[in-house]
Structure formats: C-alpha cells, structure tokens
Amino acid sequence: MPLILLPALNDHLKRRQVMQNLRIIFLKTTTFILALLLAAMGGIMTACSTGSYGHLDFKLAVNDIFESGQVMDNYNYYYIGPEAEPVAIMAIDKKYQLTPSLWKEIKLTPQQLKAWMSRIDNHYRLRNRYDGAYILDQNGNQVGLWYSQLDWTTIQRGEGNQLTIYTPDTTKNLDNFGRGVISGSGSN
C-alpha cells in the first residue's frame, strides 16, 4: 500500500510547488507593474506641475530688501489690498511689462515703503507673516520680487517681455461675511 501512495504524494508536492512558484511570479509581476505605474504618474504630475508657469522662490534676502525700505530704480511697484496696508507688494523688473490685471501700480517712495513696513510690522507677527520671494518665470529667470502674507500666485511670461501675474485670492479662510479666519481651515 505505501508504494501506491508515493507517486500520488509526489504529484501533489509537485503541483503544490508549481502553485507556489506561480504565486511568487504573480506577486513580483504585480509589484513591478505597480512600481511602473507609480513612476509614470509621478513623471506626469511633475511635467504638469512645472509646465509653462513660473513660481515664487522664498528667500529671507527679499524680506530684507522690502523691510529696509529700499526702493530700487529698475523696478515698477504694484500692490493689492488697501493702500494703507497692502496684502501683497510686487516689484517687477522694468524689462518686463505686466499685462492688465487687478494689481495697482504705485510710484513707490522709500517713505511710503517704510510706512507700509511700519503698519505691517512683520517682526512681531506670529500668524500671517509676510514672506519675501523672487518671482521666477517658467524658465527660471528672475522677473521680480514678492512680499506678502500670501504664498501663491500664477506666473506666466508670454511673448516678448509680457508678464502675467494673477492676484491671489485674498479671501482665503474668511467666512461668508469677510470676517476672521474660519476655524479649522488652516492658516495662510
């Protein structure tokens, strides 16, 4: 009797080994396909995010320029928000022309800039601090300077030296009546 069961046991062990090998091959193939898909999605997302738009490159050196009250001759100045205490201030190199937008151009003087800095009083702000950044076009060229409590905008350099910089949403985290920060909505 034991002689008859031996070939059947051998066949069973062989089938079991084949099934284990198939499972291992399936898991390795699935893992490889998932890794390939994740890499492809990462590549697509990177390509879409860098696209044809510029970005803000935040540096403390830009804070120093604005907070020192230094107005540079080779820049045109713009702001959004109330004139007494702007929400964002931009200095655009005179080589570039800002396309029509909601930014208000101002012939900024050192006295006006110092008055703004006095009202903003950035050194003592714990929330909604103003941060300075270089404004870079989609090719990484510096086209201007940014100083704001808002850390996002859309930047695009068009034909020639046309520059489009959208005004960021200044109502972020406000309730429907324009009051205060909505609880739990994060910070600017």
Protein backbone atom coordinates (compact mmCIF):
# COMPACT_ATOMS: atom_id res chain seq x y z
CA MET A 1 0.00 0.00 0.00
CA PRO A 2 2.73 2.57 0.74
CA LEU A 3 4.12 2.06 -2.75
CA ILE A 4 0.88 3.19 -4.37
CA LEU A 5 0.63 6.41 -2.30
CA LEU A 6 4.18 7.52 -3.03
CA PRO A 7 3.60 8.55 -6.68
CA ALA A 8 0.37 10.35 -5.69
CA LEU A 9 2.20 12.21 -2.93
CA ASN A 10 4.96 13.17 -5.35
CA ASP A 11 2.38 14.55 -7.83
CA HIS A 12 0.70 16.51 -5.04
CA LEU A 13 4.02 18.01 -3.88
CA LYS A 14 4.96 18.92 -7.46
CA ARG A 15 1.58 20.65 -8.03
CA ARG A 16 1.97 22.50 -4.73
CA GLN A 17 5.48 23.68 -5.72
CA VAL A 18 4.19 24.83 -9.12
CA MET A 19 1.38 26.79 -7.44
CA GLN A 20 3.83 28.46 -5.04
CA ASN A 21 6.08 29.41 -7.96
CA LEU A 22 3.09 30.84 -9.84
CA ARG A 23 2.10 32.91 -6.77
CA ILE A 24 5.64 34.29 -6.46
CA ILE A 25 5.73 35.17 -10.18
CA PHE A 26 2.30 36.83 -9.90
CA LEU A 27 3.35 38.90 -6.85
CA LYS A 28 6.62 40.01 -8.47
CA THR A 29 4.84 40.92 -11.72
CA THR A 30 2.12 42.85 -9.87
CA THR A 31 4.70 44.70 -7.77
CA PHE A 32 6.69 45.60 -10.89
CA ILE A 33 3.58 46.87 -12.71
CA LEU A 34 2.51 48.96 -9.68
CA ALA A 35 6.00 50.47 -9.36
CA LEU A 36 5.99 51.27 -13.08
CA LEU A 37 2.55 52.91 -12.82
CA LEU A 38 3.60 55.00 -9.79
CA ALA A 39 6.75 56.16 -11.61
CA ALA A 40 4.70 57.09 -14.68
CA MET A 41 2.15 59.00 -12.57
CA GLY A 42 4.97 60.83 -10.77
CA GLY A 43 6.51 61.80 -14.10
CA ILE A 44 3.17 63.05 -15.44
CA MET A 45 2.46 65.04 -12.28
CA THR A 46 5.92 66.61 -12.36
CA ALA A 47 5.53 67.54 -16.01
CA CYS A 48 2.12 69.08 -15.35
CA SER A 49 3.21 70.97 -12.26
CA THR A 50 6.24 72.60 -13.83
CA GLY A 51 4.52 73.21 -17.19
CA SER A 52 4.67 76.70 -18.54
CA TYR A 53 4.25 78.55 -15.26
CA GLY A 54 6.72 80.31 -13.04
CA HIS A 55 6.91 80.17 -9.26
CA LEU A 56 7.87 82.05 -6.13
CA ASP A 57 11.28 81.27 -4.63
CA PHE A 58 11.09 82.34 -0.97
CA LYS A 59 14.31 83.84 0.44
CA LEU A 60 14.98 85.94 3.54
CA ALA A 61 17.14 88.26 1.42
CA VAL A 62 13.95 89.51 -0.27
CA ASN A 63 12.40 90.22 3.15
CA ASP A 64 15.48 92.32 3.93
CA ILE A 65 15.08 94.38 0.74
CA PHE A 66 11.46 95.30 1.48
CA GLU A 67 11.85 95.70 5.24
CA SER A 68 14.85 98.02 4.82
CA GLY A 69 12.65 100.48 2.92
CA GLN A 70 14.86 100.22 -0.15
CA VAL A 71 13.09 101.19 -3.39
CA MET A 72 15.02 100.04 -6.45
CA ASP A 73 15.04 102.27 -9.53
CA ASN A 74 14.98 99.43 -12.05
CA TYR A 75 11.65 98.04 -10.77
CA ASN A 76 7.99 99.05 -11.13
CA TYR A 77 5.96 98.50 -7.95
CA TYR A 78 2.46 97.08 -7.61
CA TYR A 79 0.22 96.10 -4.72
CA ILE A 80 -3.16 94.58 -3.91
CA GLY A 81 -5.36 95.27 -0.92
CA PRO A 82 -5.80 98.56 0.94
CA GLU A 83 -3.23 101.23 0.12
CA ALA A 84 -2.55 101.81 3.82
CA GLU A 85 -1.59 98.15 4.42
CA PRO A 86 -1.27 96.07 1.23
CA VAL A 87 -1.87 92.35 1.28
CA ALA A 88 0.85 91.82 -1.33
CA ILE A 89 3.58 94.01 -2.82
CA MET A 90 5.38 93.22 -6.05
CA ALA A 91 8.43 94.77 -7.66
CA ILE A 92 8.68 93.88 -11.37
CA ASP A 93 11.89 94.45 -13.34
CA LYS A 94 11.34 97.28 -15.82
CA LYS A 95 12.43 94.95 -18.64
CA TYR A 96 9.02 93.28 -18.30
CA GLN A 97 5.55 94.65 -18.89
CA LEU A 98 2.79 93.45 -16.59
CA THR A 99 -0.39 92.59 -18.50
CA PRO A 100 -3.52 94.44 -17.37
CA SER A 101 -4.76 93.00 -14.09
CA LEU A 102 -6.08 93.93 -10.66
CA TRP A 103 -2.61 94.87 -9.40
CA LYS A 104 -2.42 98.59 -8.62
CA GLU A 105 0.73 100.30 -9.85
CA ILE A 106 2.32 102.81 -7.49
CA LYS A 107 5.24 105.21 -7.81
CA LEU A 108 6.71 103.92 -4.59
CA THR A 109 8.95 106.14 -2.48
CA PRO A 110 11.16 104.98 0.39
CA GLN A 111 8.89 106.93 2.77
CA GLN A 112 5.77 105.09 1.54
CA LEU A 113 7.51 101.71 1.74
CA LYS A 114 8.71 102.45 5.30
CA ALA A 115 5.15 103.47 6.24
CA TRP A 116 3.86 100.16 4.86
CA MET A 117 6.53 98.25 6.77
CA SER A 118 5.61 100.10 9.94
CA ARG A 119 1.93 99.14 9.53
CA ILE A 120 2.71 95.55 8.53
CA ASP A 121 5.13 95.24 11.48
CA ASN A 122 6.33 91.84 10.29
CA HIS A 123 8.87 91.29 13.08
CA TYR A 124 6.08 90.82 15.64
CA ARG A 125 3.61 88.81 13.57
CA LEU A 126 3.17 85.24 14.67
CA ARG A 127 0.39 84.47 12.19
CA ASN A 128 0.04 85.79 8.68
CA ARG A 129 3.69 86.75 8.40
CA TYR A 130 4.80 88.45 5.23
CA ASP A 131 7.41 86.50 3.31
CA GLY A 132 9.67 87.68 0.52
CA ALA A 133 10.33 85.74 -2.65
CA TYR A 134 11.97 86.06 -6.01
CA ILE A 135 9.41 85.89 -8.81
CA LEU A 136 10.71 83.42 -11.39
CA ASP A 137 9.24 82.84 -14.84
CA GLN A 138 8.67 79.38 -16.32
CA ASN A 139 12.33 79.29 -17.47
CA GLY A 140 13.67 80.13 -14.00
CA ASN A 141 14.57 83.76 -14.88
CA GLN A 142 14.09 86.28 -12.10
CA VAL A 143 11.46 88.80 -13.20
CA GLY A 144 10.66 90.48 -9.91
CA LEU A 145 10.28 90.42 -6.13
CA TRP A 146 7.30 89.44 -3.97
CA TYR A 147 6.40 90.41 -0.40
CA SER A 148 3.14 89.10 1.02
CA GLN A 149 1.38 87.01 3.60
CA LEU A 150 0.03 85.05 0.61
CA ASP A 151 2.37 82.40 -0.69
CA TRP A 152 0.84 81.53 -4.04
CA THR A 153 0.03 83.09 -7.39
CA THR A 154 0.10 82.18 -11.08
CA ILE A 155 3.08 83.50 -13.03
CA GLN A 156 3.46 83.27 -16.78
CA ARG A 157 5.76 85.05 -19.18
CA GLY A 158 4.24 85.41 -22.63
CA GLU A 159 5.62 86.60 -25.93
CA GLY A 160 8.40 89.11 -25.69
CA ASN A 161 8.52 90.50 -22.20
CA GLN A 162 4.80 90.30 -21.40
CA LEU A 163 4.30 89.09 -17.86
CA THR A 164 1.04 87.82 -16.36
CA ILE A 165 0.86 87.53 -12.59
CA TYR A 166 -2.61 86.89 -11.23
CA THR A 167 -3.70 88.44 -7.98
CA PRO A 168 -4.03 85.65 -5.43
CA ASP A 169 -7.32 85.04 -3.65
CA THR A 170 -7.23 87.39 -0.67
CA THR A 171 -10.41 85.90 0.80
CA LYS A 172 -8.87 82.54 1.69
CA ASN A 173 -10.10 81.30 5.08
CA LEU A 174 -12.63 84.11 5.55
CA ASP A 175 -16.22 83.33 6.43
CA ASN A 176 -19.10 84.35 4.15
CA PHE A 177 -19.18 87.83 5.68
CA GLY A 178 -15.45 88.51 5.19
CA ARG A 179 -14.69 88.21 8.90
CA GLY A 180 -11.78 86.45 10.52
CA VAL A 181 -10.30 83.06 9.85
CA ILE A 182 -12.69 80.13 9.70
CA SER A 183 -11.91 77.65 12.47
CA GLY A 184 -10.13 74.54 11.32
CA SER A 185 -9.42 75.85 7.83
CA GLY A 186 -5.66 76.13 8.31
CA SER A 187 -3.53 79.20 8.14
CA ASN A 188 -2.43 81.42 5.28
